[in-house]
Protein backbone atom coordinates (compact mmCIF):
# COMPACT_ATOMS: atom_id res chain seq x y z
CA MET A 1 -1.42 -11.70 6.51
CA SER A 2 -4.87 -13.27 6.48
CA ASP A 3 -7.72 -11.74 4.58
CA GLN A 4 -10.34 -14.29 5.61
CA GLN A 5 -13.88 -12.99 5.59
CA PRO A 6 -15.75 -13.03 8.95
CA HIS A 7 -18.15 -15.96 9.36
CA SER A 8 -16.90 -17.61 6.17
CA VAL A 9 -16.19 -21.34 6.06
CA ASP A 10 -14.34 -21.28 2.74
CA PRO A 11 -12.56 -17.94 2.28
CA PRO A 12 -11.98 -16.78 -1.29
CA ALA A 13 -8.65 -17.61 -2.85
CA ARG A 14 -5.95 -15.06 -2.20
CA PRO A 15 -5.23 -13.20 -5.47
CA GLU A 16 -1.69 -13.89 -6.70
CA LEU A 17 0.53 -12.11 -9.17
CA ARG A 18 2.52 -13.90 -11.85
CA LYS A 19 6.21 -14.50 -11.00
CA SER A 20 8.23 -13.41 -14.01
CA LEU A 21 10.97 -11.02 -12.86
CA GLY A 22 14.68 -11.32 -12.12
CA VAL A 23 17.07 -8.98 -10.33
CA LEU A 24 17.85 -6.93 -13.47
CA ASP A 25 14.14 -6.36 -14.06
CA GLY A 26 13.84 -5.10 -10.49
CA VAL A 27 16.79 -2.75 -11.00
CA ALA A 28 15.18 -1.39 -14.18
CA ILE A 29 11.88 -0.70 -12.38
CA ALA A 30 13.52 0.83 -9.29
CA ALA A 31 16.00 2.92 -11.30
CA SER A 32 13.20 4.20 -13.56
CA SER A 33 11.08 5.07 -10.53
CA THR A 34 13.99 6.94 -8.93
CA ALA A 35 14.51 8.70 -12.28
CA ALA A 36 18.10 9.88 -11.91
CA THR A 37 18.02 11.91 -15.11
CA THR A 38 14.87 13.76 -14.04
CA SER A 39 16.24 14.30 -10.53
CA ILE A 40 19.50 15.66 -11.90
CA GLY A 41 17.91 17.72 -14.66
CA ILE A 42 15.24 19.29 -12.45
CA GLY A 43 15.84 18.36 -8.80
CA LEU A 44 19.36 19.78 -8.66
CA GLY A 45 18.14 23.22 -9.60
CA VAL A 46 15.35 23.08 -7.02
CA THR A 47 17.76 21.89 -4.32
CA ALA A 48 20.40 24.47 -5.27
CA GLY A 49 17.78 27.14 -4.63
CA VAL A 50 17.82 25.99 -1.00
CA VAL A 51 21.44 24.94 -0.25
CA GLY A 52 23.36 26.89 -2.90
CA LEU A 53 26.54 25.33 -4.29
CA HIS A 54 26.58 22.46 -1.80
CA LEU A 55 24.72 19.86 -3.83
CA PRO A 56 27.35 17.10 -3.40
CA ALA A 57 27.30 17.61 0.39
CA ILE A 58 23.52 17.39 0.70
CA MET A 59 23.33 14.35 -1.59
CA LEU A 60 25.88 12.52 0.55
CA LEU A 61 24.16 13.51 3.79
CA ALA A 62 20.74 12.37 2.58
CA PHE A 63 22.18 9.06 1.39
CA LEU A 64 23.13 8.00 4.94
CA PRO A 65 19.62 7.76 6.47
CA VAL A 66 18.23 6.37 3.20
CA LEU A 67 20.87 3.62 3.34
CA GLY A 68 19.62 2.72 6.83
CA ILE A 69 16.08 2.62 5.43
CA ALA A 70 17.22 0.35 2.60
CA GLY A 71 18.67 -2.07 5.15
CA ALA A 72 15.33 -2.16 6.94
CA TYR A 73 13.46 -2.85 3.70
CA SER A 74 15.89 -5.60 2.79
CA ARG A 75 15.59 -7.45 6.11
CA LEU A 76 11.82 -7.15 6.24
CA ASN A 77 11.58 -8.37 2.67
CA LYS A 78 13.62 -11.47 3.53
CA VAL A 79 11.16 -12.59 6.19
CA GLU A 80 7.91 -11.40 4.58
CA PRO A 81 7.95 -10.51 0.88
CA ASN A 82 4.70 -8.68 0.15
CA ALA A 83 3.56 -6.27 -2.55
CA GLY A 84 2.29 -4.00 0.23
CA ASN A 85 5.74 -3.89 1.93
CA GLY A 86 5.61 -0.92 4.38
CA TYR A 87 1.84 -1.14 4.72
CA VAL A 88 2.10 -4.78 5.80
CA TRP A 89 5.31 -4.54 7.82
CA VAL A 90 4.33 -1.45 9.83
CA GLY A 91 0.84 -2.82 10.43
CA ARG A 92 2.29 -6.05 11.78
CA SER A 93 5.09 -4.65 13.94
CA LEU A 94 3.68 -1.32 15.12
CA THR A 95 -0.06 -0.79 14.64
CA PRO A 96 -2.52 -1.29 11.75
CA TRP A 97 -3.41 2.39 11.90
CA LEU A 98 0.13 3.50 11.14
CA GLY A 99 0.52 0.64 8.66
CA PHE A 100 -2.50 1.81 6.73
CA VAL A 101 -1.24 5.41 6.79
CA VAL A 102 2.12 4.26 5.37
CA GLY A 103 0.33 2.53 2.52
CA TRP A 104 -2.00 5.46 1.99
CA VAL A 105 0.57 8.27 1.97
CA SER A 106 2.74 6.24 -0.40
CA ILE A 107 -0.20 6.11 -2.81
CA VAL A 108 -1.01 9.81 -2.41
CA ALA A 109 2.65 10.78 -2.80
CA VAL A 110 2.99 8.78 -6.00
CA VAL A 111 -0.18 10.29 -7.44
CA ALA A 112 1.22 13.77 -6.70
CA PHE A 113 4.54 12.70 -8.21
CA LEU A 114 2.80 11.40 -11.33
CA ALA A 115 0.92 14.68 -11.65
CA TYR A 116 4.06 16.80 -11.62
CA THR A 117 6.04 14.32 -13.73
CA THR A 118 3.23 14.50 -16.28
CA ALA A 119 3.93 18.23 -16.55
CA VAL A 120 7.70 17.63 -16.73
CA THR A 121 7.18 15.16 -19.58
CA GLY A 122 5.03 17.67 -21.44
CA SER A 123 7.64 20.38 -20.87
CA ALA A 124 10.38 18.18 -22.36
CA LEU A 125 8.24 17.43 -25.41
CA ILE A 126 7.41 21.10 -25.96
CA GLN A 127 11.11 22.00 -25.65
CA LEU A 128 11.93 19.31 -28.23
CA ALA A 129 9.26 20.73 -30.51
CA GLY A 130 10.87 24.16 -30.16
CA ASP A 131 14.29 22.73 -31.03
CA ALA A 132 12.69 21.22 -34.14
CA GLY A 133 11.34 24.64 -35.15
CA LEU A 134 7.74 24.24 -33.96
CA HIS A 135 6.94 27.23 -31.75
CA ARG A 136 3.21 27.70 -32.36
CA VAL A 137 0.20 25.43 -32.80
CA GLY A 138 -2.63 27.35 -34.43
CA GLY A 139 -2.62 30.67 -32.64
CA LEU A 140 -1.08 29.30 -29.44
CA ALA A 141 2.57 30.05 -28.66
CA LEU A 142 4.15 26.95 -27.12
CA ASP A 143 5.66 27.61 -23.68
CA PRO A 144 7.59 24.81 -21.89
CA GLY A 145 7.21 26.75 -18.63
CA SER A 146 3.40 26.82 -18.76
CA THR A 147 1.79 24.36 -16.37
CA ALA A 148 -1.42 24.21 -18.44
CA GLN A 149 0.31 23.39 -21.73
CA THR A 150 2.81 20.93 -20.29
CA THR A 151 0.10 19.13 -18.34
CA ALA A 152 -2.16 18.74 -21.38
CA VAL A 153 0.64 17.18 -23.43
CA GLY A 154 1.86 15.06 -20.51
CA ILE A 155 -1.56 13.52 -19.84
CA LEU A 156 -1.50 11.99 -23.32
CA VAL A 157 1.85 10.35 -22.51
CA LEU A 158 0.54 9.19 -19.12
CA ALA A 159 -2.36 7.42 -20.82
CA ALA A 160 0.01 5.61 -23.17
CA VAL A 161 2.42 4.42 -20.46
CA THR A 162 -0.48 3.30 -18.25
CA LEU A 163 -1.74 1.02 -20.99
CA THR A 164 1.78 -0.35 -21.42
CA ALA A 165 1.98 -1.07 -17.68
CA VAL A 166 -1.24 -3.08 -17.91
CA THR A 167 0.42 -5.66 -20.15
CA GLY A 168 2.81 -6.70 -17.39
CA VAL A 169 5.88 -5.64 -15.44
CA ARG A 170 8.09 -7.80 -17.62
CA THR A 171 7.16 -5.79 -20.71
CA ALA A 172 7.50 -2.54 -18.77
CA ALA A 173 10.89 -3.56 -17.36
CA ARG A 174 12.22 -4.33 -20.82
CA LEU A 175 11.08 -0.95 -22.15
CA GLN A 176 12.56 0.83 -19.14
CA ALA A 177 15.86 -1.02 -19.49
CA TRP A 178 16.32 0.35 -23.02
CA LEU A 179 15.31 3.84 -21.94
CA LEU A 180 17.78 3.65 -19.03
CA VAL A 181 20.65 2.61 -21.29
CA PHE A 182 20.12 5.67 -23.49
CA GLU A 183 19.65 8.00 -20.50
CA TYR A 184 22.76 6.86 -18.69
CA VAL A 185 24.98 6.94 -21.78
CA VAL A 186 23.93 10.54 -22.44
CA LEU A 187 24.09 11.52 -18.76
CA LEU A 188 27.54 10.01 -18.21
CA GLY A 189 28.86 11.51 -21.44
CA PHE A 190 27.66 15.06 -20.84
CA CYS A 191 28.40 15.11 -17.10
CA GLY A 192 31.86 13.66 -17.63
CA TYR A 193 32.58 16.24 -20.33
CA GLY A 194 31.21 18.99 -18.09
CA ILE A 195 33.47 18.00 -15.19
CA VAL A 196 36.52 18.14 -17.46
CA THR A 197 35.72 21.34 -19.38
CA GLY A 198 33.48 23.39 -17.05
CA PRO A 199 34.55 27.03 -16.58
CA HIS A 200 33.96 27.13 -12.81
CA ASP A 201 36.75 25.91 -10.54
CA PHE A 202 36.16 22.77 -8.49
CA SER A 203 35.92 23.46 -4.76
CA LEU A 204 36.03 21.14 -1.77
CA SER A 205 33.53 23.49 -0.08
CA TRP A 206 30.89 21.90 -2.30
CA PHE A 207 31.22 18.83 -0.03
CA ASP A 208 31.12 20.81 3.25
CA PRO A 209 27.71 20.46 4.95
CA PHE A 210 28.69 23.08 7.55
CA ALA A 211 28.78 25.72 4.82
CA ILE A 212 25.05 25.29 4.08
CA PRO A 213 23.41 28.68 4.81
CA SER A 214 21.08 27.72 7.69
CA ALA A 215 19.53 24.87 9.66
CA THR A 216 16.27 25.36 7.77
CA ALA A 217 18.11 25.15 4.45
CA LEU A 218 19.83 21.98 5.67
CA ALA A 219 16.51 20.38 6.69
CA GLN A 220 14.71 21.31 3.48
CA GLY A 221 17.71 20.34 1.35
CA MET A 222 17.88 16.95 3.09
CA LEU A 223 14.22 16.20 2.44
CA LEU A 224 14.49 17.35 -1.17
CA SER A 225 17.46 15.00 -1.57
CA VAL A 226 15.57 12.15 0.10
CA PHE A 227 12.91 12.78 -2.52
CA CYS A 228 15.59 12.35 -5.22
CA TYR A 229 16.45 8.89 -3.80
CA TRP A 230 12.78 8.01 -3.42
CA GLY A 231 11.83 5.12 -5.67
CA PHE A 232 14.53 2.56 -4.85
CA GLU A 233 11.91 0.69 -2.82
CA SER A 234 9.88 0.10 -5.99
CA ALA A 235 11.94 -3.08 -6.29
CA PHE A 236 10.16 -4.32 -3.16
CA THR A 237 6.66 -3.58 -4.46
CA VAL A 238 7.15 -6.25 -7.16
CA ASN A 239 8.67 -8.75 -4.70
CA GLU A 240 5.74 -11.13 -5.23
CA GLU A 241 6.51 -11.15 -8.96
CA VAL A 242 10.22 -11.98 -8.71
CA ARG A 243 11.36 -15.57 -8.96
CA ASP A 244 13.53 -15.20 -5.82
CA PRO A 245 12.51 -12.68 -3.09
CA ARG A 246 16.20 -11.93 -2.47
CA ASP A 247 16.35 -10.44 -5.97
CA ALA A 248 14.16 -7.56 -4.77
CA SER A 249 16.68 -6.75 -2.02
CA ARG A 250 19.59 -6.92 -4.44
CA ALA A 251 17.77 -4.72 -6.93
CA GLY A 252 16.86 -2.08 -4.33
CA THR A 253 20.38 -1.87 -2.89
CA THR A 254 22.04 -1.83 -6.32
CA THR A 255 19.74 0.97 -7.43
CA LEU A 256 20.46 3.07 -4.34
CA PHE A 257 24.25 2.99 -4.75
CA THR A 258 23.91 3.66 -8.48
CA MET A 259 21.79 6.72 -7.73
CA LEU A 260 24.39 8.03 -5.26
CA ALA A 261 27.12 7.80 -7.89
CA LEU A 262 24.95 9.50 -10.53
CA PHE A 263 23.81 12.28 -8.20
CA LEU A 264 27.37 13.08 -7.14
CA LEU A 265 28.53 13.05 -10.75
CA GLY A 266 25.63 15.25 -11.83
CA SER A 267 25.93 17.74 -8.98
CA VAL A 268 29.67 18.25 -9.52
CA ALA A 269 29.21 18.55 -13.30
CA PHE A 270 26.37 21.08 -12.98
CA GLN A 271 28.38 23.22 -10.56
CA ARG A 272 31.43 23.09 -12.85
CA VAL A 273 29.39 24.26 -15.83
CA LEU A 274 26.66 26.52 -14.37
CA SER A 275 26.75 29.36 -11.89
CA GLU A 276 24.45 29.31 -8.87
CA GLU A 277 22.14 31.81 -10.56
CA GLU A 278 21.95 29.65 -13.69
CA LEU A 279 21.32 26.50 -11.62
CA VAL A 280 18.44 28.06 -9.72
CA GLY A 281 16.96 30.08 -12.56
CA HIS A 282 16.28 27.42 -15.18
CA GLY A 283 14.07 24.99 -13.23
CA ALA A 284 12.44 22.42 -15.49
CA GLU A 285 14.68 23.52 -18.37
CA GLY A 286 17.93 23.01 -16.40
CA LEU A 287 19.18 19.93 -18.23
CA ALA A 288 18.46 21.47 -21.64
CA PHE A 289 20.36 24.61 -20.63
CA PHE A 290 23.24 22.44 -19.36
CA GLY A 291 23.37 20.67 -22.73
CA ASP A 292 23.34 23.97 -24.64
CA ARG A 293 26.33 25.20 -22.62
CA LEU A 294 28.37 22.11 -23.54
CA ALA A 295 27.45 21.38 -27.16
CA SER A 296 25.87 22.83 -30.26
CA GLN A 297 22.81 21.47 -32.01
CA PRO A 298 21.87 18.73 -32.70
CA TRP A 299 24.06 17.23 -29.94
CA ALA A 300 22.71 19.65 -27.33
CA THR A 301 19.28 18.07 -27.77
CA LEU A 302 20.47 14.70 -26.45
CA PRO A 303 20.17 15.62 -22.72
CA LEU A 304 16.64 16.87 -23.36
CA ILE A 305 15.73 13.59 -25.07
CA ALA A 306 17.24 11.73 -22.10
CA LEU A 307 15.10 13.84 -19.74
CA MET A 308 12.00 12.99 -21.75
CA PHE A 309 12.83 9.27 -21.66
CA SER A 310 13.46 9.48 -17.91
CA ALA A 311 10.15 11.23 -17.31
CA VAL A 312 8.27 8.69 -19.43
CA ALA A 313 9.96 5.78 -17.63
CA SER A 314 9.26 7.27 -14.21
CA LEU A 315 5.60 7.75 -15.12
CA GLN A 316 5.34 4.07 -15.92
CA ALA A 317 7.44 3.08 -12.91
CA GLY A 318 5.20 5.20 -10.69
CA VAL A 319 2.03 3.52 -11.91
CA ILE A 320 3.38 -0.02 -11.44
CA PRO A 321 4.35 -0.01 -7.71
CA THR A 322 1.31 2.04 -6.71
CA ALA A 323 -1.05 -0.45 -8.33
CA ARG A 324 0.77 -3.26 -6.47
CA GLY A 325 0.51 -1.46 -3.13
CA MET A 326 -3.22 -0.95 -3.62
CA PHE A 327 -3.50 -4.58 -4.73
CA ALA A 328 -2.08 -5.66 -1.35
CA MET A 329 -4.39 -3.31 0.55
CA SER A 330 -7.39 -4.56 -1.39
CA ARG A 331 -6.58 -8.18 -0.45
CA ASP A 332 -7.00 -7.11 3.17
CA ARG A 333 -10.24 -5.29 2.31
CA THR A 334 -8.84 -1.95 3.43
CA LEU A 335 -9.55 -0.80 -0.14
CA GLY A 336 -12.27 -1.86 -2.54
CA PRO A 337 -12.17 -5.18 -4.44
CA VAL A 338 -11.46 -3.57 -7.83
CA TRP A 339 -7.84 -2.99 -6.82
CA SER A 340 -7.14 -6.73 -6.31
CA LYS A 341 -8.63 -7.96 -9.57
CA VAL A 342 -5.91 -9.78 -11.53
CA SER A 343 -6.11 -9.88 -15.31
CA PRO A 344 -6.23 -13.55 -16.41
CA ARG A 345 -4.43 -12.57 -19.61
CA TYR A 346 -1.56 -10.50 -18.21
CA GLY A 347 -1.38 -11.64 -14.58
CA THR A 348 -1.34 -8.01 -13.40
CA PRO A 349 -3.77 -5.80 -11.44
CA ALA A 350 -4.95 -4.32 -14.73
CA ALA A 351 -8.07 -2.49 -13.48
CA GLY A 352 -6.12 -0.93 -10.61
CA THR A 353 -3.35 0.14 -12.95
CA VAL A 354 -5.80 1.93 -15.26
CA LEU A 355 -7.52 3.59 -12.30
CA ILE A 356 -4.20 4.86 -10.92
CA GLY A 357 -3.36 6.38 -14.29
CA ALA A 358 -6.80 7.99 -14.48
CA LEU A 359 -6.55 9.35 -10.94
CA ALA A 360 -3.11 10.82 -11.66
CA ALA A 361 -4.50 12.43 -14.81
CA VAL A 362 -7.31 14.06 -12.80
CA VAL A 363 -4.84 15.41 -10.21
CA ALA A 364 -2.55 16.59 -12.99
CA GLY A 365 -5.52 18.47 -14.44
CA LEU A 366 -5.65 20.50 -11.22
CA ALA A 367 -1.99 21.50 -11.52
CA PRO A 368 -2.63 24.75 -13.46
CA VAL A 369 -3.77 26.24 -10.12
CA ILE A 370 -0.01 26.90 -9.79
CA PRO A 371 0.69 28.49 -13.19
CA ARG A 372 4.50 28.36 -13.25
CA LEU A 373 5.95 24.87 -13.69
CA ALA A 374 8.97 25.68 -11.50
CA ASP A 375 6.67 26.65 -8.60
CA LEU A 376 4.56 23.51 -9.09
CA ILE A 377 7.69 21.35 -8.92
CA MET A 378 8.92 23.08 -5.76
CA ALA A 379 5.59 22.73 -3.93
CA THR A 380 5.08 19.10 -4.97
CA VAL A 381 8.62 17.96 -4.21
CA THR A 382 8.58 19.57 -0.77
CA ALA A 383 5.24 18.00 0.19
CA VAL A 384 6.17 14.57 -1.16
CA GLY A 385 9.57 14.75 0.54
CA ILE A 386 7.91 15.18 3.94
CA VAL A 387 5.43 12.30 3.56
CA VAL A 388 8.08 10.02 2.06
CA ALA A 389 10.34 10.73 5.03
CA LEU A 390 7.45 9.77 7.35
CA SER A 391 6.79 6.54 5.44
CA TYR A 392 10.47 5.60 5.45
CA ALA A 393 10.82 6.38 9.15
CA LEU A 394 7.83 4.25 10.17
CA THR A 395 9.07 1.32 8.06
CA ALA A 396 12.51 1.58 9.68
CA LEU A 397 10.91 1.60 13.14
CA ALA A 398 8.89 -1.48 12.18
CA ALA A 399 12.14 -3.27 11.33
CA ALA A 400 13.71 -2.18 14.64
CA VAL A 401 10.76 -3.56 16.60
CA ARG A 402 10.54 -6.77 14.62
CA PHE A 403 14.24 -7.62 14.89
CA ARG A 404 14.83 -6.31 18.41
CA ALA A 405 15.68 -9.79 19.71
CA LEU A 406 18.85 -9.69 17.61
CA LEU A 407 20.33 -7.19 20.07
CA ARG A 408 20.50 -10.03 22.61
CA GLU A 409 21.47 -12.80 20.19
CA ASN A 410 24.03 -11.14 17.91
CA TRP A 411 25.36 -7.69 18.79
CA TRP A 412 26.61 -6.75 15.30
CA GLU A 413 23.47 -7.95 13.54
CA GLY A 414 21.44 -6.13 16.18
CA VAL A 415 23.22 -2.87 15.39
CA ARG A 416 22.57 -3.31 11.66
CA ALA A 417 18.96 -4.46 12.06
CA VAL A 418 17.82 -2.29 14.98
CA VAL A 419 20.15 0.60 15.78
CA LEU A 420 20.87 1.89 12.28
CA PRO A 421 17.22 1.86 11.13
CA SER A 422 16.23 3.58 14.39
CA LEU A 423 18.81 6.32 13.87
CA SER A 424 17.69 6.77 10.27
CA ALA A 425 14.06 7.05 11.40
CA ALA A 426 14.99 9.60 14.08
CA VAL A 427 16.89 11.74 11.55
CA LEU A 428 14.03 11.77 9.05
CA LEU A 429 11.35 12.45 11.67
CA GLY A 430 13.48 15.21 13.18
CA LEU A 431 14.06 16.83 9.81
CA GLY A 432 10.38 16.67 8.90
CA GLY A 433 9.32 18.11 12.24
CA TYR A 434 11.85 20.93 12.15
CA LEU A 435 10.98 21.82 8.56
CA GLY A 436 7.26 21.79 9.37
CA TRP A 437 7.85 24.17 12.29
CA SER A 438 9.93 26.50 10.10
CA PHE A 439 7.14 26.57 7.51
CA TYR A 440 4.58 27.35 10.22
CA THR A 441 6.57 30.27 11.60
CA SER A 442 7.53 31.68 8.18
CA ALA A 443 4.05 32.95 7.22
CA ASP A 444 1.05 34.62 8.83
CA HIS A 445 -1.57 33.75 6.19
CA PHE A 446 -2.45 30.95 3.76
CA GLU A 447 -1.89 31.30 0.03
CA VAL A 448 -1.65 28.71 -2.77
CA SER A 449 1.96 29.49 -3.55
CA ALA A 450 5.29 27.64 -3.47
CA ASP A 451 6.62 30.53 -1.35
CA ASN A 452 3.91 30.30 1.32
CA GLY A 453 4.98 28.34 4.41
CA TRP A 454 1.44 27.45 5.51
CA PHE A 455 0.68 26.03 2.05
CA LEU A 456 3.90 24.00 2.09
CA LEU A 457 3.00 22.67 5.56
CA LEU A 458 -0.72 22.03 5.09
CA THR A 459 -0.26 20.09 1.84
CA PRO A 460 1.65 17.14 3.42
CA LEU A 461 -0.51 17.37 6.58
CA ALA A 462 -3.63 16.98 4.43
CA MET A 463 -2.08 13.91 2.78
CA ILE A 464 -1.39 12.35 6.19
CA ALA A 465 -4.74 13.33 7.74
CA SER A 466 -6.63 11.83 4.80
CA GLY A 467 -4.88 8.54 5.58
CA PHE A 468 -6.39 8.40 9.07
CA VAL A 469 -9.85 9.21 7.66
CA ALA A 470 -9.50 6.40 5.09
CA ALA A 471 -8.22 4.06 7.83
CA ALA A 472 -11.30 4.76 9.95
CA TRP A 473 -13.50 3.96 6.95
CA ALA A 474 -11.63 0.71 6.34
CA LYS A 475 -11.90 -0.36 9.98
CA TRP A 476 -15.49 0.52 10.82
CA VAL A 477 -17.27 0.54 7.45
CA ARG A 478 -15.38 -2.07 5.44
CA ARG A 479 -14.63 -4.03 8.65
CA SER A 480 -11.29 -5.04 7.25
CA PRO A 481 -9.60 -7.96 9.03
CA TYR A 482 -6.30 -6.08 8.61
CA PHE A 483 -7.12 -4.10 11.75
CA ARG A 484 -7.18 -7.37 13.73
CA THR A 485 -4.50 -9.45 12.02
CA GLY A 486 -2.13 -6.53 11.46
CA GLU A 487 -1.39 -6.10 15.14
CA GLY A 488 1.89 -6.97 16.80
CA THR A 489 4.75 -9.28 15.93
CA ASP A 490 5.21 -12.94 16.72
CA ALA A 491 8.92 -12.45 17.54
CA ASP A 492 9.97 -15.12 15.06
CA ALA A 493 11.85 -12.70 12.81
CA PRO A 494 15.42 -13.36 14.07
CA GLN A 495 15.09 -17.09 13.38
CA LEU A 496 13.46 -16.48 10.01
CA LEU A 497 16.20 -14.03 9.11
CA ALA A 498 18.86 -16.56 9.90
CA THR A 499 17.25 -19.16 7.65
CA THR A 500 16.81 -16.85 4.66
CA ARG A 501 20.38 -15.63 4.27
């Protein structure tokens, strides 16, 4: 997409990122961003509070529309690899306004995710300190459930991983690969042992979606599970830094199927070992409690260490794709020029990376408004789940529009490229709309609380509305060319797709 300045004879050179990644690097970044260990250790308890002992069913159900979304990402990436991915693709095939909103809400969602993951990281470190015998610092009793304490500790870790991300995605990918190896060895070992030795009988009803308590529980559980899968598309945000654009598609798809296997393993293991009350009641300390039920110290600490590594890796993996998305938006002058400055030493958007880390730290500093960490996680995950579903749905619709000619040229390819993404988009939009309505009708006043429906509804609506405000600024104040060049599609996608297989 052109970013030529109006009335300029010689437009400035388009900033480029250094190509240094392979498919395994992309898998490491996407898997770290998805953060299976964190999702299992914390997300399963949150989701169980909604759907009860039907975690395997909801994870399988949520996988189906996300798989359709992954197909849309893969096809769009083949014809137009771009660090902005959904922002560029939606702007080109639907409208620049929606394209900008996709880019914007992805940024806002990641910042919110970084804020709560900062607290999760701090909680894991405080729990580890407690296991080591450190329960007080000065006169302060350490509490892993305190949002204020966990956030303060987590911000220090966020600063460190942000500086690591500045040095390049190759360095970050290598670090994350080693963290992932440790996480998955521990996760597979403990979950496998839990499935074999757990005191609760296995039940096929765990896989029955019709046994979920209500339609509202189904909708909220689906969006919470979509949130758990969120992050596989991080492989596509570094698609300008891979040596072969097809590696990004392979990395994203590989990550998605790996997450499905891990989530099913984790959900069955947790339900074999823990009762529903134990699943719901331990929140951010769920994985540590799971480890304590299966082993004695010091072995019981291993799952907690894995959770800490997962949280650290996901902090870094959250900073990296967000900086790349803002880099792409800055090239189109929808955001300020600081976001597209490339470090001559590292070949990365270093200034943007530092700013993202700083912004996340500021938002994290506001987190103590919700004092209990479990409530903060619930409110954040619900809000992010809704805006992520919207972003995914719009990207899938962009793919359906762009490849619509395939319905006439090749029926089977048309189904895969148009029909399946459209169905996935309809499911996610329907779930988001229904859940929003249920939140609206569940309360008669506003309160900053994870139990207040209006708060849970207004938070994602504020994220989306701010995107349209920022888009108006970009169009009429920055006079970004994106709002001219982002329109429409040139209908060349089917031919391009055929040549890039």
